[in-house]
Amino acid sequence: MILALVNDRLTKPAAEKVQQGHQEAQRVLAEAARNVDTVAAMGLAKPLAEKAGRANALSMALLAEATNRSSATIGSGKFLRVVAQIMTLALGAWLSLGGHITPGGMIASSILLSRALAPLDQSIAAWRGFQQCRLAWKRIEALLNAAGASVEDPIALPKPEGRLTIENVTVVAPGGDKAIINNVSMQIAPGDSVAFIGPSGSGKSTLCRAIVGSRAPHRGKVRLDGGDVMLWRDDQRRKYVGYLAQGTELFTGRVRDVIARFDEPDDEAVVEAAKLAGCHELILGLPQGYDTLLANGGGMLSGGQRQRIALARAVYGETRLVVLDEPNASLDGEGERALVNCISTLKERGVTVIMVTHKPALAHLASKVAVMQNGQLKKLGPATEVLRELVAPAPSENVRSIPGGSR
């Protein structure tokens, strides 16, 4: 009993920290799985893997320490028990030789051997658990690297201007044969802004995923400054591509790290991005400002607040291509005004902006409007002309408004 209490006192703190480390690593992986498009679009796989790796490495070190302490105390207890048994059996053997008790030498030898090997069995069991932990981490690394580019170490391309080329892109639904995007082609010049509109299920969101490289086309190519977006390095995507997914969820971490995409944060650039997204005052009002820890995907914030911080993440740093999928889905009036100002500023800076919207106010901000129907590009032209046709269509036209929803 005393040894059990000593063992509990020595190993309990380390065991609790081991559990916390495992939970942290699992949480990072779960968030990455839920936001796989954002991870792929902005090259967040490496920093998130490093974050999970640090948590897992700490837990493994503590696990080894706890195992050593536990093995030492358990081994000491078994050793004492075996010594007591040896002494008892030795005394019995001495008494047997003196004729005081019945001989039992063979039985005593068998018991002595089994008891002497017991601590070795415990050591083997502890080592097996350590090996299983190592194998589990290798499986996690394989999972994180599974969605990586087929090229192991692609060359670093020059800083892009933002020229986007979509060449006969067809995207098929996972596990099926139906095309969500069917043979879409277009050219988008650096600094252009294009609003994608169309009915629900027309493929607007899927096309956005293909543009940022989180969904590989079944046929065709999407090129950024001539280079296939699937072959751009993750660190360059993290630097030059911004993406705001339709379902906004933030990764756990400090606000400043979330905005900086978990790279070493540049304080000036973080604040500039927050001001551009109109959430600087919002962040200052949090308990620790930019050092506030956002847990559980930013669950402490409202949907609109999460969306504005996610917008700041999308426009952080030297971003040259920004893709916004329903960026005002959860915004109030103040948030929408901040979004309009943000898009206008991006256009002034020559950043290529792609957005999915069904709000005329946002569509009018774009230089061009693209109408999607049934996975195909039905119309592409100057925003004023296309929107005027949609407001007063000819009787034969199928598209009569700026519909909402996306796929």
Protein backbone atom coordinates (compact mmCIF):
# COMPACT_ATOMS: atom_id res chain seq x y z
CA MET A 1 0.00 0.00 0.00
CA ILE A 2 2.80 2.39 0.91
CA LEU A 3 4.60 1.72 -2.39
CA ALA A 4 1.33 2.23 -4.29
CA LEU A 5 0.89 5.64 -2.68
CA VAL A 6 4.51 6.56 -3.45
CA ASN A 7 4.06 5.46 -7.07
CA ASP A 8 0.89 7.53 -7.42
CA ARG A 9 2.58 10.60 -5.93
CA LEU A 10 5.60 10.29 -8.27
CA THR A 11 3.75 9.56 -11.53
CA LYS A 12 0.42 11.39 -11.26
CA PRO A 13 1.66 14.91 -12.27
CA ALA A 14 3.57 13.54 -15.25
CA ALA A 15 0.65 11.32 -16.27
CA GLU A 16 -1.73 14.30 -16.25
CA LYS A 17 0.64 16.30 -18.45
CA VAL A 18 1.00 13.31 -20.79
CA GLN A 19 -2.76 13.23 -21.21
CA GLN A 20 -2.89 16.97 -21.83
CA GLY A 21 -0.17 16.67 -24.49
CA HIS A 22 -2.01 13.86 -26.27
CA GLN A 23 -5.26 15.82 -26.17
CA GLU A 24 -3.53 18.92 -27.56
CA ALA A 25 -2.05 16.94 -30.47
CA GLN A 26 -5.39 15.27 -31.19
CA ARG A 27 -7.21 18.62 -31.04
CA VAL A 28 -4.81 20.18 -33.58
CA LEU A 29 -5.30 17.24 -35.92
CA ALA A 30 -9.08 17.34 -35.51
CA GLU A 31 -9.17 21.08 -36.31
CA ALA A 32 -6.98 20.50 -39.36
CA ALA A 33 -9.33 17.74 -40.55
CA ARG A 34 -12.40 19.95 -40.12
CA ASN A 35 -10.72 22.81 -42.02
CA VAL A 36 -8.85 20.82 -44.63
CA ASP A 37 -9.60 23.34 -47.39
CA THR A 38 -8.15 26.23 -45.38
CA VAL A 39 -5.11 24.14 -44.43
CA ALA A 40 -4.42 23.19 -48.04
CA ALA A 41 -5.20 26.64 -49.47
CA MET A 42 -2.80 28.58 -47.26
CA GLY A 43 -0.16 25.91 -46.69
CA LEU A 44 -0.86 25.49 -42.98
CA ALA A 45 0.00 21.76 -42.86
CA LYS A 46 3.61 22.28 -41.74
CA PRO A 47 3.03 24.77 -38.88
CA LEU A 48 0.08 22.76 -37.61
CA ALA A 49 2.10 19.54 -37.84
CA GLU A 50 4.92 21.22 -35.92
CA LYS A 51 2.45 22.41 -33.30
CA ALA A 52 1.04 18.89 -32.89
CA GLY A 53 4.58 17.51 -32.92
CA ARG A 54 5.70 19.77 -30.07
CA ALA A 55 2.73 18.70 -27.96
CA ASN A 56 3.30 15.05 -28.77
CA ALA A 57 7.07 15.23 -28.16
CA LEU A 58 6.51 16.78 -24.75
CA SER A 59 3.96 14.13 -23.85
CA MET A 60 6.30 11.36 -24.99
CA ALA A 61 9.15 12.73 -22.86
CA LEU A 62 6.85 12.95 -19.86
CA LEU A 63 5.52 9.49 -20.64
CA ALA A 64 9.06 8.10 -20.56
CA GLU A 65 9.71 9.89 -17.26
CA ALA A 66 6.47 8.60 -15.74
CA THR A 67 7.17 5.10 -17.01
CA ASN A 68 10.65 5.14 -15.47
CA ARG A 69 9.33 6.30 -12.12
CA SER A 70 6.50 3.79 -12.16
CA SER A 71 8.79 0.95 -13.18
CA ALA A 72 11.25 1.87 -10.43
CA THR A 73 8.65 1.87 -7.68
CA ILE A 74 6.84 -1.22 -8.95
CA GLY A 75 10.15 -3.00 -9.43
CA SER A 76 11.24 -2.04 -5.93
CA GLY A 77 8.02 -3.43 -4.50
CA LYS A 78 8.39 -6.67 -6.38
CA PHE A 79 12.03 -6.89 -5.38
CA LEU A 80 11.15 -6.52 -1.73
CA ARG A 81 8.46 -9.14 -2.03
CA VAL A 82 10.82 -11.53 -3.74
CA VAL A 83 13.53 -10.93 -1.11
CA ALA A 84 11.03 -11.69 1.61
CA GLN A 85 9.99 -14.87 -0.17
CA ILE A 86 13.59 -15.89 -0.72
CA MET A 87 14.38 -15.38 2.90
CA THR A 88 11.30 -17.36 3.89
CA LEU A 89 12.08 -20.20 1.51
CA ALA A 90 15.76 -20.19 2.51
CA LEU A 91 14.77 -20.51 6.10
CA GLY A 92 12.44 -23.34 5.17
CA ALA A 93 15.23 -25.10 3.28
CA TRP A 94 17.59 -24.72 6.28
CA LEU A 95 14.97 -26.12 8.56
CA SER A 96 14.37 -28.94 6.09
CA LEU A 97 18.05 -29.86 6.06
CA GLY A 98 17.99 -29.94 9.82
CA GLY A 99 15.10 -32.29 9.69
CA HIS A 100 12.70 -29.85 11.25
CA ILE A 101 10.30 -29.70 8.23
CA THR A 102 9.48 -31.78 5.16
CA PRO A 103 11.93 -31.22 2.24
CA GLY A 104 10.67 -29.05 -0.58
CA GLY A 105 13.79 -28.06 -2.48
CA MET A 106 12.41 -28.50 -5.99
CA ILE A 107 9.29 -26.50 -5.28
CA ALA A 108 11.32 -23.78 -3.59
CA SER A 109 13.70 -23.53 -6.61
CA SER A 110 10.78 -23.16 -9.03
CA ILE A 111 9.18 -20.41 -6.98
CA LEU A 112 12.51 -18.57 -6.60
CA LEU A 113 13.09 -18.59 -10.39
CA SER A 114 9.60 -17.32 -11.27
CA ARG A 115 9.82 -14.53 -8.72
CA ALA A 116 13.26 -13.46 -9.90
CA LEU A 117 11.98 -13.00 -13.48
CA ALA A 118 8.89 -10.96 -12.54
CA PRO A 119 10.65 -7.53 -12.66
CA LEU A 120 11.95 -8.33 -16.14
CA ASP A 121 8.39 -8.98 -17.31
CA GLN A 122 7.35 -5.58 -15.98
CA SER A 123 10.20 -3.85 -17.83
CA ILE A 124 9.22 -5.54 -21.08
CA ALA A 125 5.59 -4.43 -20.67
CA ALA A 126 6.66 -0.81 -20.08
CA TRP A 127 8.91 -0.83 -23.14
CA ARG A 128 6.09 -2.21 -25.27
CA GLY A 129 3.91 0.77 -24.31
CA PHE A 130 6.68 3.18 -25.28
CA GLN A 131 7.06 1.50 -28.64
CA GLN A 132 3.32 1.75 -29.27
CA CYS A 133 3.47 5.49 -28.58
CA ARG A 134 6.25 5.91 -31.15
CA LEU A 135 4.29 3.97 -33.75
CA ALA A 136 1.19 6.10 -33.07
CA TRP A 137 3.17 9.30 -33.72
CA LYS A 138 4.51 7.86 -36.98
CA ARG A 139 0.91 7.21 -38.06
CA ILE A 140 0.02 10.83 -37.23
CA GLU A 141 2.93 12.09 -39.35
CA ALA A 142 1.85 9.87 -42.23
CA LEU A 143 -1.70 11.27 -41.96
CA LEU A 144 -0.48 14.87 -42.04
CA ASN A 145 1.75 14.21 -45.05
CA ALA A 146 -0.84 12.16 -46.94
CA ALA A 147 -2.46 15.20 -48.55
CA GLY A 148 0.82 16.83 -49.54
CA ALA A 149 1.87 17.61 -53.08
CA SER A 150 3.09 14.73 -55.18
CA VAL A 151 6.40 16.52 -55.69
CA GLU A 152 8.45 16.02 -52.54
CA ASP A 153 10.41 19.29 -52.65
CA PRO A 154 9.13 21.62 -55.39
CA ILE A 155 11.22 24.60 -56.41
CA ALA A 156 10.45 27.99 -54.87
CA LEU A 157 8.80 30.15 -57.54
CA PRO A 158 9.10 33.94 -57.75
CA LYS A 159 6.64 36.14 -55.89
CA PRO A 160 3.41 36.02 -57.93
CA GLU A 161 1.71 39.04 -59.42
CA GLY A 162 -1.70 37.39 -59.07
CA ARG A 163 -2.34 36.31 -62.67
CA LEU A 164 -4.81 33.41 -62.59
CA THR A 165 -5.44 31.02 -65.46
CA ILE A 166 -8.17 28.37 -65.33
CA GLU A 167 -7.70 25.86 -68.14
CA ASN A 168 -10.59 23.48 -68.93
CA VAL A 169 -11.03 22.55 -65.27
CA THR A 170 -13.30 19.64 -64.43
CA VAL A 171 -13.82 18.55 -60.81
CA VAL A 172 -15.60 15.30 -60.00
CA ALA A 173 -17.37 14.62 -56.70
CA PRO A 174 -15.28 12.42 -54.37
CA GLY A 175 -16.26 8.78 -54.71
CA GLY A 176 -18.53 9.48 -57.67
CA ASP A 177 -18.45 10.23 -61.38
CA LYS A 178 -20.63 13.34 -61.54
CA ALA A 179 -18.78 16.53 -62.48
CA ILE A 180 -19.31 19.39 -60.02
CA ILE A 181 -17.25 21.69 -62.27
CA ASN A 182 -17.34 20.92 -65.99
CA ASN A 183 -14.75 22.31 -68.41
CA VAL A 184 -14.44 25.82 -66.95
CA SER A 185 -11.87 28.19 -68.45
CA MET A 186 -11.07 31.84 -67.81
CA GLN A 187 -8.24 34.33 -67.54
CA ILE A 188 -7.95 36.70 -64.57
CA ALA A 189 -5.36 39.45 -64.78
CA PRO A 190 -3.29 40.59 -61.78
CA GLY A 191 -5.32 42.98 -59.63
CA ASP A 192 -8.63 41.94 -61.15
CA SER A 193 -11.59 41.24 -58.89
CA VAL A 194 -14.16 38.64 -59.92
CA ALA A 195 -17.49 37.89 -58.23
CA PHE A 196 -18.89 34.39 -58.80
CA ILE A 197 -22.66 34.21 -58.62
CA GLY A 198 -25.17 31.51 -59.41
CA PRO A 199 -27.74 29.17 -57.87
CA SER A 200 -27.03 26.74 -55.07
CA GLY A 201 -25.08 23.71 -56.25
CA SER A 202 -23.67 25.46 -59.31
CA GLY A 203 -20.09 24.73 -58.23
CA LYS A 204 -18.92 28.15 -57.05
CA SER A 205 -17.33 26.95 -53.79
CA THR A 206 -15.80 23.92 -55.49
CA LEU A 207 -14.21 26.19 -58.08
CA CYS A 208 -12.80 28.33 -55.25
CA ARG A 209 -11.23 25.22 -53.71
CA ALA A 210 -9.68 24.33 -57.04
CA ILE A 211 -8.32 27.87 -57.42
CA VAL A 212 -6.52 27.75 -54.07
CA GLY A 213 -5.31 24.18 -54.60
CA SER A 214 -7.27 22.40 -51.89
CA ARG A 215 -9.24 20.37 -54.48
CA ALA A 216 -7.27 18.80 -57.33
CA PRO A 217 -9.04 19.01 -60.72
CA HIS A 218 -9.95 15.73 -62.39
CA ARG A 219 -8.97 17.35 -65.67
CA GLY A 220 -7.40 20.69 -66.56
CA LYS A 221 -5.14 23.04 -64.61
CA VAL A 222 -5.39 26.10 -62.41
CA ARG A 223 -2.28 28.25 -62.75
CA LEU A 224 -1.02 31.12 -60.63
CA ASP A 225 1.44 33.21 -62.65
CA GLY A 226 1.84 30.22 -64.98
CA GLY A 227 2.63 27.69 -62.24
CA ASP A 228 0.22 24.88 -61.36
CA VAL A 229 -1.27 25.82 -57.98
CA MET A 230 -0.97 22.17 -56.89
CA LEU A 231 2.83 22.48 -57.21
CA TRP A 232 3.29 25.71 -55.29
CA ARG A 233 5.19 25.09 -52.06
CA ASP A 234 3.21 25.24 -48.81
CA ASP A 235 5.40 28.00 -47.38
CA GLN A 236 4.71 30.11 -50.49
CA ARG A 237 0.96 29.47 -50.35
CA ARG A 238 1.07 30.51 -46.70
CA LYS A 239 2.78 33.73 -47.78
CA TYR A 240 0.97 34.71 -50.98
CA VAL A 241 -2.52 33.09 -50.95
CA GLY A 242 -5.39 34.06 -48.67
CA TYR A 243 -8.55 32.00 -48.33
CA LEU A 244 -11.74 32.54 -46.36
CA ALA A 245 -13.84 29.37 -46.41
CA GLN A 246 -17.62 29.39 -46.31
CA GLY A 247 -17.74 27.66 -42.92
CA THR A 248 -15.52 29.76 -40.67
CA GLU A 249 -13.66 28.04 -37.87
CA LEU A 250 -10.46 29.34 -36.30
CA PHE A 251 -7.62 27.15 -35.12
CA THR A 252 -6.79 27.13 -31.42
CA GLY A 253 -4.03 29.58 -30.55
CA ARG A 254 -3.34 33.20 -29.71
CA VAL A 255 -5.13 35.71 -31.93
CA ARG A 256 -1.80 37.03 -33.22
CA ASP A 257 -0.66 33.51 -34.18
CA VAL A 258 -3.97 32.68 -35.85
CA ILE A 259 -3.79 35.82 -38.02
CA ALA A 260 -0.10 35.18 -38.80
CA ARG A 261 -0.98 31.63 -39.96
CA PHE A 262 1.20 30.16 -37.21
CA ASP A 263 4.39 31.52 -38.72
CA GLU A 264 6.60 33.76 -36.60
CA PRO A 265 4.19 36.70 -36.22
CA ASP A 266 5.17 40.11 -37.53
CA ASP A 267 3.39 42.36 -35.02
CA GLU A 268 3.12 45.28 -37.43
CA ALA A 269 1.73 43.06 -40.22
CA VAL A 270 -0.73 41.38 -37.81
CA VAL A 271 -2.13 44.73 -36.69
CA GLU A 272 -2.26 46.00 -40.27
CA ALA A 273 -4.22 42.91 -41.37
CA ALA A 274 -6.62 43.31 -38.44
CA LYS A 275 -7.22 46.96 -39.31
CA LEU A 276 -7.73 46.06 -42.96
CA ALA A 277 -10.34 43.47 -41.96
CA GLY A 278 -11.97 45.93 -39.56
CA CYS A 279 -11.40 43.81 -36.44
CA HIS A 280 -8.59 45.71 -34.67
CA GLU A 281 -10.93 47.29 -32.12
CA LEU A 282 -12.72 43.97 -31.70
CA ILE A 283 -9.43 42.24 -30.83
CA LEU A 284 -8.38 44.99 -28.44
CA GLY A 285 -11.63 44.38 -26.56
CA LEU A 286 -10.76 40.72 -25.91
CA PRO A 287 -9.45 39.80 -22.42
CA GLN A 288 -5.75 39.77 -23.45
CA GLY A 289 -6.05 41.59 -26.76
CA TYR A 290 -3.93 40.02 -29.48
CA ASP A 291 -2.55 37.52 -26.93
CA THR A 292 -6.01 36.13 -26.15
CA LEU A 293 -6.12 32.37 -26.54
CA LEU A 294 -8.84 31.26 -28.95
CA ALA A 295 -9.89 27.76 -27.85
CA ASN A 296 -12.23 25.27 -29.50
CA GLY A 297 -12.09 26.92 -32.89
CA GLY A 298 -12.88 30.36 -31.50
CA GLY A 299 -16.04 29.18 -29.77
CA MET A 300 -15.91 32.16 -27.38
CA LEU A 301 -16.61 34.48 -30.35
CA SER A 302 -19.75 35.03 -32.37
CA GLY A 303 -19.93 33.85 -35.97
CA GLY A 304 -19.39 37.37 -37.27
CA GLN A 305 -16.38 37.94 -35.03
CA ARG A 306 -14.79 34.68 -36.15
CA GLN A 307 -15.40 35.61 -39.77
CA ARG A 308 -13.71 39.00 -39.37
CA ILE A 309 -10.64 37.49 -37.71
CA ALA A 310 -10.55 34.83 -40.45
CA LEU A 311 -10.65 37.66 -42.99
CA ALA A 312 -7.65 39.25 -41.26
CA ARG A 313 -5.84 35.91 -41.59
CA ALA A 314 -6.72 35.81 -45.30
CA VAL A 315 -5.26 39.27 -46.03
CA TYR A 316 -2.20 38.98 -43.76
CA GLY A 317 1.26 39.75 -45.10
CA GLU A 318 2.24 39.76 -48.78
CA THR A 319 -0.92 38.06 -50.05
CA ARG A 320 -1.32 38.42 -53.82
CA LEU A 321 -4.40 36.23 -54.32
CA VAL A 322 -7.39 36.39 -51.96
CA VAL A 323 -10.33 34.01 -52.35
CA LEU A 324 -13.44 34.79 -50.28
CA ASP A 325 -16.30 32.27 -50.19
CA GLU A 326 -19.45 34.00 -48.92
CA PRO A 327 -17.36 36.43 -46.82
CA ASN A 328 -20.42 38.25 -45.41
CA ALA A 329 -22.44 35.17 -44.43
CA SER A 330 -22.30 35.97 -40.69
CA LEU A 331 -21.60 39.70 -40.73
CA ASP A 332 -23.76 42.48 -39.34
CA GLY A 333 -23.98 45.93 -40.87
CA GLU A 334 -20.70 47.11 -39.34
CA GLY A 335 -18.95 43.94 -40.46
CA GLU A 336 -20.24 44.31 -44.03
CA ARG A 337 -18.99 47.90 -44.20
CA ALA A 338 -15.57 46.71 -42.99
CA LEU A 339 -15.62 43.97 -45.65
CA VAL A 340 -16.45 46.46 -48.40
CA ASN A 341 -13.59 48.71 -47.29
CA CYS A 342 -11.25 45.71 -47.15
CA ILE A 343 -12.08 44.59 -50.69
CA SER A 344 -11.72 48.13 -52.00
CA THR A 345 -8.30 48.46 -50.38
CA LEU A 346 -7.16 45.11 -51.80
CA LYS A 347 -8.16 46.29 -55.28
CA GLU A 348 -6.19 49.52 -54.80
CA ARG A 349 -3.14 47.45 -53.83
CA GLY A 350 -3.41 45.35 -56.99
CA VAL A 351 -4.34 42.15 -55.17
CA THR A 352 -6.32 39.63 -57.21
CA VAL A 353 -9.64 39.04 -55.45
CA ILE A 354 -12.06 36.17 -56.08
CA MET A 355 -15.32 36.15 -54.15
CA VAL A 356 -18.52 34.14 -54.03
CA THR A 357 -21.55 36.24 -53.17
CA HIS A 358 -25.24 36.74 -53.77
CA LYS A 359 -25.21 40.32 -52.43
CA PRO A 360 -25.39 42.96 -55.20
CA ALA A 361 -23.38 45.42 -53.06
CA LEU A 362 -20.39 43.08 -53.06
CA ALA A 363 -20.85 41.99 -56.67
CA HIS A 364 -20.76 45.64 -57.77
CA LEU A 365 -17.32 45.98 -56.12
CA ALA A 366 -15.88 43.45 -58.55
CA SER A 367 -14.47 44.45 -61.91
CA LYS A 368 -15.98 41.30 -63.44
CA VAL A 369 -18.89 38.99 -62.67
CA ALA A 370 -18.91 35.28 -63.53
CA VAL A 371 -22.26 33.45 -63.63
CA MET A 372 -22.14 29.72 -62.80
CA GLN A 373 -24.90 27.23 -63.62
CA ASN A 374 -24.79 23.43 -63.34
CA GLY A 375 -21.03 23.46 -62.93
CA GLN A 376 -20.44 25.52 -66.06
CA LEU A 377 -19.43 29.10 -66.69
CA LYS A 378 -22.45 30.68 -68.39
CA LYS A 379 -21.38 34.30 -68.51
CA LEU A 380 -18.28 36.37 -67.76
CA GLY A 381 -18.00 40.08 -68.29
CA PRO A 382 -17.79 43.54 -66.74
CA ALA A 383 -19.75 43.69 -63.49
CA THR A 384 -22.06 46.54 -64.50
CA GLU A 385 -23.08 44.88 -67.77
CA VAL A 386 -23.64 41.39 -66.36
CA LEU A 387 -25.55 42.62 -63.31
CA ARG A 388 -27.74 44.87 -65.47
CA GLU A 389 -28.65 41.87 -67.63
CA LEU A 390 -29.45 39.79 -64.56
CA VAL A 391 -31.71 42.44 -63.08
CA ALA A 392 -33.72 42.75 -66.32
CA PRO A 393 -33.19 39.46 -68.20
CA ALA A 394 -34.72 38.48 -71.47
CA PRO A 395 -37.63 36.00 -71.15
CA SER A 396 -35.50 33.16 -72.52
CA GLU A 397 -32.78 33.58 -69.90
CA ASN A 398 -32.62 31.16 -67.01
CA VAL A 399 -30.78 33.34 -64.50
CA ARG A 400 -33.15 36.01 -63.09
CA SER A 401 -31.41 37.22 -59.96
CA ILE A 402 -28.27 36.93 -57.97
CA PRO A 403 -28.98 33.66 -56.18
CA GLY A 404 -27.44 32.62 -52.91
CA GLY A 405 -25.81 29.47 -51.62
CA SER A 406 -22.91 27.57 -53.09
CA ARG A 407 -21.38 24.17 -53.26
